[in-house]
Amino acid sequence: MMYDLSGLLDQIPNLSYDELLTLQEHIIQQLRVTLPISRPLTVSLSPLQLNAYPWNNWPSEATFRRGEIYDDDGR
């Protein structure tokens, strides 16, 4: 089905945000009715590849307890 949308397209710059959202919802609903999906969509994502860096800057015996960092006043 093809519709003549030339009049509508000319009015789009004058529509408010709410009117644009309503128009979008209406178009999406019409597409769902006229073009039903015959099979479920499946998305296969590959595992996320992250780089691992060795952090050898701190000695292994380093501790960062509050009592060792701050004095008795907590400063």
N, C-alpha and C. Protein backbone atom coordinates (compact mmCIF):
# COMPACT_ATOMS: atom_id res chain seq x y z
N MET A 1 0.84 -1.18 0.00
CA MET A 1 0.00 0.00 0.00
C MET A 1 0.88 1.24 0.00
N MET A 2 0.59 2.14 -0.89
CA MET A 2 1.31 3.40 -0.93
C MET A 2 0.32 4.52 -0.64
N TYR A 3 0.73 5.42 0.20
CA TYR A 3 -0.11 6.54 0.56
C TYR A 3 0.55 7.82 0.08
N ASP A 4 -0.26 8.80 -0.26
CA ASP A 4 0.26 10.10 -0.64
C ASP A 4 0.47 10.90 0.64
N LEU A 5 1.71 11.01 1.06
CA LEU A 5 2.03 11.68 2.31
C LEU A 5 2.59 13.07 2.10
N SER A 6 2.48 13.61 0.90
CA SER A 6 3.09 14.91 0.62
C SER A 6 2.50 16.00 1.52
N GLY A 7 1.20 15.99 1.74
CA GLY A 7 0.60 17.00 2.62
C GLY A 7 1.07 16.85 4.05
N LEU A 8 1.20 15.62 4.50
CA LEU A 8 1.66 15.36 5.86
C LEU A 8 3.13 15.76 6.03
N LEU A 9 3.95 15.43 5.05
CA LEU A 9 5.37 15.74 5.14
C LEU A 9 5.60 17.24 5.18
N ASP A 10 4.75 18.01 4.52
CA ASP A 10 4.89 19.47 4.57
C ASP A 10 4.55 20.02 5.96
N GLN A 11 3.72 19.31 6.72
CA GLN A 11 3.29 19.79 8.03
C GLN A 11 4.21 19.36 9.17
N ILE A 12 5.11 18.42 8.94
CA ILE A 12 5.95 17.89 10.01
C ILE A 12 6.76 18.97 10.73
N PRO A 13 7.38 19.94 10.04
CA PRO A 13 8.13 20.96 10.79
C PRO A 13 7.27 21.78 11.74
N ASN A 14 5.96 21.82 11.52
CA ASN A 14 5.09 22.63 12.37
C ASN A 14 4.47 21.85 13.52
N LEU A 15 4.73 20.54 13.60
CA LEU A 15 4.14 19.72 14.65
C LEU A 15 4.89 19.89 15.96
N SER A 16 4.16 19.76 17.06
CA SER A 16 4.78 19.80 18.37
C SER A 16 5.43 18.44 18.65
N TYR A 17 6.20 18.39 19.72
CA TYR A 17 6.86 17.14 20.09
C TYR A 17 5.85 16.04 20.37
N ASP A 18 4.78 16.37 21.09
CA ASP A 18 3.75 15.37 21.40
C ASP A 18 3.06 14.88 20.14
N GLU A 19 2.82 15.78 19.20
CA GLU A 19 2.18 15.37 17.96
C GLU A 19 3.10 14.47 17.14
N LEU A 20 4.40 14.76 17.16
CA LEU A 20 5.36 13.90 16.45
C LEU A 20 5.40 12.51 17.06
N LEU A 21 5.38 12.43 18.39
CA LEU A 21 5.37 11.12 19.05
C LEU A 21 4.10 10.34 18.73
N THR A 22 2.96 11.04 18.71
CA THR A 22 1.70 10.39 18.38
C THR A 22 1.73 9.87 16.94
N LEU A 23 2.27 10.67 16.03
CA LEU A 23 2.39 10.25 14.64
C LEU A 23 3.29 9.03 14.52
N GLN A 24 4.40 9.05 15.24
CA GLN A 24 5.33 7.91 15.20
C GLN A 24 4.65 6.65 15.73
N GLU A 25 3.95 6.76 16.84
CA GLU A 25 3.25 5.60 17.40
C GLU A 25 2.21 5.07 16.42
N HIS A 26 1.49 5.96 15.75
CA HIS A 26 0.47 5.54 14.80
C HIS A 26 1.11 4.82 13.61
N ILE A 27 2.22 5.34 13.10
CA ILE A 27 2.90 4.71 11.97
C ILE A 27 3.42 3.33 12.37
N ILE A 28 4.02 3.22 13.54
CA ILE A 28 4.54 1.93 14.00
C ILE A 28 3.41 0.92 14.18
N GLN A 29 2.28 1.37 14.72
CA GLN A 29 1.14 0.47 14.90
C GLN A 29 0.62 -0.02 13.55
N GLN A 30 0.56 0.87 12.57
CA GLN A 30 0.10 0.48 11.24
C GLN A 30 1.06 -0.52 10.60
N LEU A 31 2.35 -0.33 10.81
CA LEU A 31 3.32 -1.26 10.26
C LEU A 31 3.20 -2.63 10.91
N ARG A 32 2.92 -2.66 12.20
CA ARG A 32 2.75 -3.94 12.89
C ARG A 32 1.53 -4.67 12.39
N VAL A 33 0.48 -3.94 12.06
CA VAL A 33 -0.75 -4.56 11.58
C VAL A 33 -0.58 -5.06 10.16
N THR A 34 0.06 -4.26 9.30
CA THR A 34 0.16 -4.62 7.89
C THR A 34 1.35 -5.53 7.60
N LEU A 35 2.39 -5.49 8.43
CA LEU A 35 3.58 -6.30 8.20
C LEU A 35 3.91 -7.14 9.42
N PRO A 36 3.09 -8.11 9.74
CA PRO A 36 3.40 -8.93 10.94
C PRO A 36 4.68 -9.74 10.72
N ILE A 37 5.40 -9.91 11.77
CA ILE A 37 6.62 -10.70 11.71
C ILE A 37 6.25 -12.17 11.78
N SER A 38 6.68 -12.93 10.79
CA SER A 38 6.28 -14.32 10.71
C SER A 38 7.08 -15.22 11.65
N ARG A 39 8.26 -14.80 12.01
CA ARG A 39 9.08 -15.61 12.91
C ARG A 39 9.73 -14.68 13.94
N PRO A 40 10.01 -15.20 15.10
CA PRO A 40 10.63 -14.35 16.12
C PRO A 40 12.04 -13.94 15.70
N LEU A 41 12.39 -12.74 16.04
CA LEU A 41 13.72 -12.25 15.74
C LEU A 41 14.72 -12.82 16.73
N THR A 42 15.81 -13.31 16.24
CA THR A 42 16.87 -13.81 17.11
C THR A 42 18.13 -13.00 16.85
N VAL A 43 18.76 -12.62 17.91
CA VAL A 43 19.99 -11.84 17.80
C VAL A 43 21.08 -12.65 18.47
N SER A 44 22.12 -12.93 17.74
CA SER A 44 23.23 -13.65 18.33
C SER A 44 24.38 -12.66 18.51
N LEU A 45 24.70 -12.42 19.74
CA LEU A 45 25.77 -11.50 20.07
C LEU A 45 27.04 -12.28 20.37
N SER A 46 28.13 -11.81 19.84
CA SER A 46 29.39 -12.45 20.16
C SER A 46 29.83 -11.97 21.54
N PRO A 47 30.63 -12.74 22.23
CA PRO A 47 31.08 -12.32 23.55
C PRO A 47 31.86 -11.01 23.47
N LEU A 48 31.73 -10.21 24.49
CA LEU A 48 32.42 -8.94 24.55
C LEU A 48 33.91 -9.17 24.75
N GLN A 49 34.71 -8.62 23.87
CA GLN A 49 36.15 -8.80 23.95
C GLN A 49 36.76 -7.61 24.69
N LEU A 50 37.32 -7.84 25.84
CA LEU A 50 37.94 -6.79 26.64
C LEU A 50 39.44 -7.06 26.75
N ASN A 51 40.19 -5.97 26.79
CA ASN A 51 41.62 -6.10 26.98
C ASN A 51 41.92 -6.15 28.47
N ALA A 52 42.79 -7.05 28.87
CA ALA A 52 43.19 -7.16 30.27
C ALA A 52 44.65 -6.70 30.37
N TYR A 53 44.88 -5.75 31.23
CA TYR A 53 46.22 -5.22 31.42
C TYR A 53 46.77 -5.65 32.78
N PRO A 54 48.02 -6.01 32.87
CA PRO A 54 48.59 -6.34 34.17
C PRO A 54 48.85 -5.06 34.97
N TRP A 55 48.40 -5.04 36.20
CA TRP A 55 48.61 -3.87 37.07
C TRP A 55 49.70 -4.24 38.08
N ASN A 56 50.91 -3.92 37.73
CA ASN A 56 52.05 -4.25 38.58
C ASN A 56 52.62 -3.04 39.30
N ASN A 57 51.84 -1.96 39.41
CA ASN A 57 52.35 -0.73 40.00
C ASN A 57 52.33 -0.74 41.52
N TRP A 58 51.40 -1.43 42.14
CA TRP A 58 51.27 -1.44 43.58
C TRP A 58 51.89 -2.72 44.13
N PRO A 59 52.60 -2.61 45.21
CA PRO A 59 53.14 -3.82 45.83
C PRO A 59 51.99 -4.68 46.37
N SER A 60 52.17 -5.96 46.36
CA SER A 60 51.10 -6.86 46.79
C SER A 60 50.78 -6.72 48.28
N GLU A 61 51.75 -6.25 49.08
CA GLU A 61 51.48 -6.10 50.52
C GLU A 61 50.89 -4.73 50.88
N ALA A 62 50.60 -3.90 49.89
CA ALA A 62 50.04 -2.57 50.15
C ALA A 62 48.60 -2.72 50.65
N THR A 63 48.28 -2.02 51.72
CA THR A 63 46.92 -2.00 52.25
C THR A 63 46.45 -0.56 52.30
N PHE A 64 45.19 -0.38 52.17
CA PHE A 64 44.62 0.97 52.18
C PHE A 64 43.46 1.02 53.15
N ARG A 65 43.76 0.68 54.39
CA ARG A 65 42.75 0.76 55.42
C ARG A 65 42.60 2.20 55.88
N ARG A 66 41.41 2.54 56.29
CA ARG A 66 41.11 3.92 56.70
C ARG A 66 42.03 4.39 57.82
N GLY A 67 42.30 3.52 58.75
CA GLY A 67 43.16 3.90 59.87
C GLY A 67 44.60 4.20 59.44
N GLU A 68 45.05 3.59 58.36
CA GLU A 68 46.40 3.84 57.89
C GLU A 68 46.47 5.09 57.02
N ILE A 69 45.37 5.44 56.37
CA ILE A 69 45.38 6.61 55.49
C ILE A 69 45.11 7.89 56.29
N TYR A 70 44.12 7.87 57.18
CA TYR A 70 43.73 9.07 57.91
C TYR A 70 44.25 9.03 59.34
N ASP A 71 44.38 10.22 59.91
CA ASP A 71 44.82 10.28 61.30
C ASP A 71 43.63 10.09 62.23
N ASP A 72 43.80 10.35 63.50
CA ASP A 72 42.73 10.11 64.48
C ASP A 72 41.53 11.04 64.28
N ASP A 73 41.75 12.21 63.67
CA ASP A 73 40.64 13.13 63.43
C ASP A 73 39.85 12.75 62.17
N GLY A 74 40.31 11.80 61.41
CA GLY A 74 39.63 11.41 60.19
C GLY A 74 39.97 12.29 59.00
N ARG A 75 41.13 12.98 59.10
CA ARG A 75 41.54 13.86 58.00
C ARG A 75 42.81 13.37 57.36
